[in-house]
Amino acid sequence: MYSETEDLVRDLAENAEGVCRAYLPAGRREGSYWIV
């Protein structure tokens, strides 16, 4: 189970902007932050 969690965390980290765009579409990227 631990490796599944690690995989999920790694996938989210690699695609953080995509996750933000999907769940917070009104936001925008400003530097390394997602502003909503």
PDB file of N, CA and C in Angstrom:
ATOM      1  N   MET A   1       0.824  -1.196   0.000  1.00  0.00           N
ATOM      2  CA  MET A   1       0.000   0.000   0.000  1.00  0.00           C
ATOM      3  C   MET A   1       0.864   1.255   0.000  1.00  0.00           C
ATOM      4  N   TYR A   2       1.975   1.219   0.668  1.00  0.00           N
ATOM      5  CA  TYR A   2       2.855   2.381   0.737  1.00  0.00           C
ATOM      6  C   TYR A   2       3.332   2.797  -0.640  1.00  0.00           C
ATOM      7  N   SER A   3       3.658   1.843  -1.486  1.00  0.00           N
ATOM      8  CA  SER A   3       4.144   2.190  -2.828  1.00  0.00           C
ATOM      9  C   SER A   3       3.039   2.830  -3.668  1.00  0.00           C
ATOM     10  N   GLU A   4       1.776   2.449  -3.447  1.00  0.00           N
ATOM     11  CA  GLU A   4       0.673   3.077  -4.169  1.00  0.00           C
ATOM     12  C   GLU A   4       0.572   4.553  -3.785  1.00  0.00           C
ATOM     13  N   THR A   5       0.753   4.856  -2.514  1.00  0.00           N
ATOM     14  CA  THR A   5       0.725   6.239  -2.052  1.00  0.00           C
ATOM     15  C   THR A   5       1.874   7.018  -2.656  1.00  0.00           C
ATOM     16  N   GLU A   6       3.055   6.431  -2.664  1.00  0.00           N
ATOM     17  CA  GLU A   6       4.214   7.092  -3.262  1.00  0.00           C
ATOM     18  C   GLU A   6       3.970   7.371  -4.743  1.00  0.00           C
ATOM     19  N   ASP A   7       3.392   6.406  -5.440  1.00  0.00           N
ATOM     20  CA  ASP A   7       3.099   6.579  -6.871  1.00  0.00           C
ATOM     21  C   ASP A   7       2.122   7.727  -7.085  1.00  0.00           C
ATOM     22  N   LEU A   8       1.085   7.791  -6.265  1.00  0.00           N
ATOM     23  CA  LEU A   8       0.089   8.846  -6.387  1.00  0.00           C
ATOM     24  C   LEU A   8       0.719  10.215  -6.125  1.00  0.00           C
ATOM     25  N   VAL A   9       1.508  10.319  -5.076  1.00  0.00           N
ATOM     26  CA  VAL A   9       2.171  11.581  -4.742  1.00  0.00           C
ATOM     27  C   VAL A   9       3.103  12.008  -5.872  1.00  0.00           C
ATOM     28  N   ARG A  10       3.839  11.075  -6.405  1.00  0.00           N
ATOM     29  CA  ARG A  10       4.763  11.383  -7.501  1.00  0.00           C
ATOM     30  C   ARG A  10       4.001  11.845  -8.740  1.00  0.00           C
ATOM     31  N   ASP A  11       2.915  11.149  -9.084  1.00  0.00           N
ATOM     32  CA  ASP A  11       2.112  11.530 -10.251  1.00  0.00           C
ATOM     33  C   ASP A  11       1.508  12.921 -10.080  1.00  0.00           C
ATOM     34  N   LEU A  12       0.998  13.215  -8.888  1.00  0.00           N
ATOM     35  CA  LEU A  12       0.431  14.535  -8.639  1.00  0.00           C
ATOM     36  C   LEU A  12       1.495  15.620  -8.719  1.00  0.00           C
ATOM     37  N   ALA A  13       2.662  15.347  -8.180  1.00  0.00           N
ATOM     38  CA  ALA A  13       3.747  16.328  -8.213  1.00  0.00           C
ATOM     39  C   ALA A  13       4.192  16.607  -9.640  1.00  0.00           C
ATOM     40  N   GLU A  14       4.238  15.581 -10.460  1.00  0.00           N
ATOM     41  CA  GLU A  14       4.672  15.743 -11.845  1.00  0.00           C
ATOM     42  C   GLU A  14       3.624  16.478 -12.678  1.00  0.00           C
ATOM     43  N   ASN A  15       2.367  16.427 -12.261  1.00  0.00           N
ATOM     44  CA  ASN A  15       1.298  17.037 -13.040  1.00  0.00           C
ATOM     45  C   ASN A  15       0.477  17.999 -12.184  1.00  0.00           C
ATOM     46  N   ALA A  16       1.136  18.729 -11.288  1.00  0.00           N
ATOM     47  CA  ALA A  16       0.433  19.618 -10.368  1.00  0.00           C
ATOM     48  C   ALA A  16      -0.382  20.682 -11.103  1.00  0.00           C
ATOM     49  N   GLU A  17       0.185  21.261 -12.138  1.00  0.00           N
ATOM     50  CA  GLU A  17      -0.541  22.301 -12.857  1.00  0.00           C
ATOM     51  C   GLU A  17      -1.786  21.725 -13.536  1.00  0.00           C
ATOM     52  N   GLY A  18      -1.675  20.544 -14.085  1.00  0.00           N
ATOM     53  CA  GLY A  18      -2.837  19.903 -14.707  1.00  0.00           C
ATOM     54  C   GLY A  18      -3.942  19.629 -13.710  1.00  0.00           C
ATOM     55  N   VAL A  19      -3.572  19.215 -12.506  1.00  0.00           N
ATOM     56  CA  VAL A  19      -4.553  18.973 -11.446  1.00  0.00           C
ATOM     57  C   VAL A  19      -5.237  20.286 -11.082  1.00  0.00           C
ATOM     58  N   CYS A  20      -4.440  21.347 -10.926  1.00  0.00           N
ATOM     59  CA  CYS A  20      -5.016  22.660 -10.604  1.00  0.00           C
ATOM     60  C   CYS A  20      -5.962  23.121 -11.706  1.00  0.00           C
ATOM     61  N   ARG A  21      -5.562  22.959 -12.954  1.00  0.00           N
ATOM     62  CA  ARG A  21      -6.415  23.378 -14.067  1.00  0.00           C
ATOM     63  C   ARG A  21      -7.727  22.599 -14.089  1.00  0.00           C
ATOM     64  N   ALA A  22      -7.680  21.330 -13.732  1.00  0.00           N
ATOM     65  CA  ALA A  22      -8.882  20.503 -13.750  1.00  0.00           C
ATOM     66  C   ALA A  22      -9.842  20.845 -12.610  1.00  0.00           C
ATOM     67  N   TYR A  23      -9.302  21.065 -11.417  1.00  0.00           N
ATOM     68  CA  TYR A  23     -10.149  21.280 -10.243  1.00  0.00           C
ATOM     69  C   TYR A  23     -10.367  22.747  -9.901  1.00  0.00           C
ATOM     70  N   LEU A  24      -9.514  23.627 -10.394  1.00  0.00           N
ATOM     71  CA  LEU A  24      -9.626  25.060 -10.118  1.00  0.00           C
ATOM     72  C   LEU A  24      -9.473  25.837 -11.428  1.00  0.00           C
ATOM     73  N   PRO A  25     -10.405  25.646 -12.366  1.00  0.00           N
ATOM     74  CA  PRO A  25     -10.245  26.223 -13.705  1.00  0.00           C
ATOM     75  C   PRO A  25     -10.264  27.750 -13.742  1.00  0.00           C
ATOM     76  N   ALA A  26     -10.779  28.393 -12.713  1.00  0.00           N
ATOM     77  CA  ALA A  26     -10.813  29.856 -12.698  1.00  0.00           C
ATOM     78  C   ALA A  26      -9.468  30.446 -12.278  1.00  0.00           C
ATOM     79  N   GLY A  27      -8.541  29.596 -11.899  1.00  0.00           N
ATOM     80  CA  GLY A  27      -7.255  30.078 -11.424  1.00  0.00           C
ATOM     81  C   GLY A  27      -6.263  30.337 -12.533  1.00  0.00           C
ATOM     82  N   ARG A  28      -5.111  30.827 -12.132  1.00  0.00           N
ATOM     83  CA  ARG A  28      -4.026  31.083 -13.075  1.00  0.00           C
ATOM     84  C   ARG A  28      -2.706  30.852 -12.372  1.00  0.00           C
ATOM     85  N   ARG A  29      -1.702  30.573 -13.138  1.00  0.00           N
ATOM     86  CA  ARG A  29      -0.374  30.362 -12.597  1.00  0.00           C
ATOM     87  C   ARG A  29       0.318  31.708 -12.447  1.00  0.00           C
ATOM     88  N   GLU A  30       0.913  31.906 -11.300  1.00  0.00           N
ATOM     89  CA  GLU A  30       1.683  33.116 -11.041  1.00  0.00           C
ATOM     90  C   GLU A  30       2.968  32.683 -10.351  1.00  0.00           C
ATOM     91  N   GLY A  31       4.033  32.627 -11.129  1.00  0.00           N
ATOM     92  CA  GLY A  31       5.281  32.084 -10.592  1.00  0.00           C
ATOM     93  C   GLY A  31       5.112  30.599 -10.351  1.00  0.00           C
ATOM     94  N   SER A  32       5.386  30.174  -9.135  1.00  0.00           N
ATOM     95  CA  SER A  32       5.210  28.761  -8.802  1.00  0.00           C
ATOM     96  C   SER A  32       3.919  28.516  -8.017  1.00  0.00           C
ATOM     97  N   TYR A  33       3.002  29.503  -8.042  1.00  0.00           N
ATOM     98  CA  TYR A  33       1.738  29.393  -7.310  1.00  0.00           C
ATOM     99  C   TYR A  33       0.579  29.341  -8.276  1.00  0.00           C
ATOM    100  N   TRP A  34      -0.517  28.732  -7.831  1.00  0.00           N
ATOM    101  CA  TRP A  34      -1.765  28.720  -8.578  1.00  0.00           C
ATOM    102  C   TRP A  34      -2.717  29.637  -7.824  1.00  0.00           C
ATOM    103  N   ILE A  35      -3.071  30.755  -8.436  1.00  0.00           N
ATOM    104  CA  ILE A  35      -3.903  31.771  -7.798  1.00  0.00           C
ATOM    105  C   ILE A  35      -5.354  31.587  -8.249  1.00  0.00           C
ATOM    106  N   VAL A  36      -6.260  31.535  -7.278  1.00  0.00           N
ATOM    107  CA  VAL A  36      -7.693  31.397  -7.579  1.00  0.00           C
ATOM    108  C   VAL A  36      -8.422  32.593  -7.020  1.00  0.00           C
TER     109      VAL A  36
END
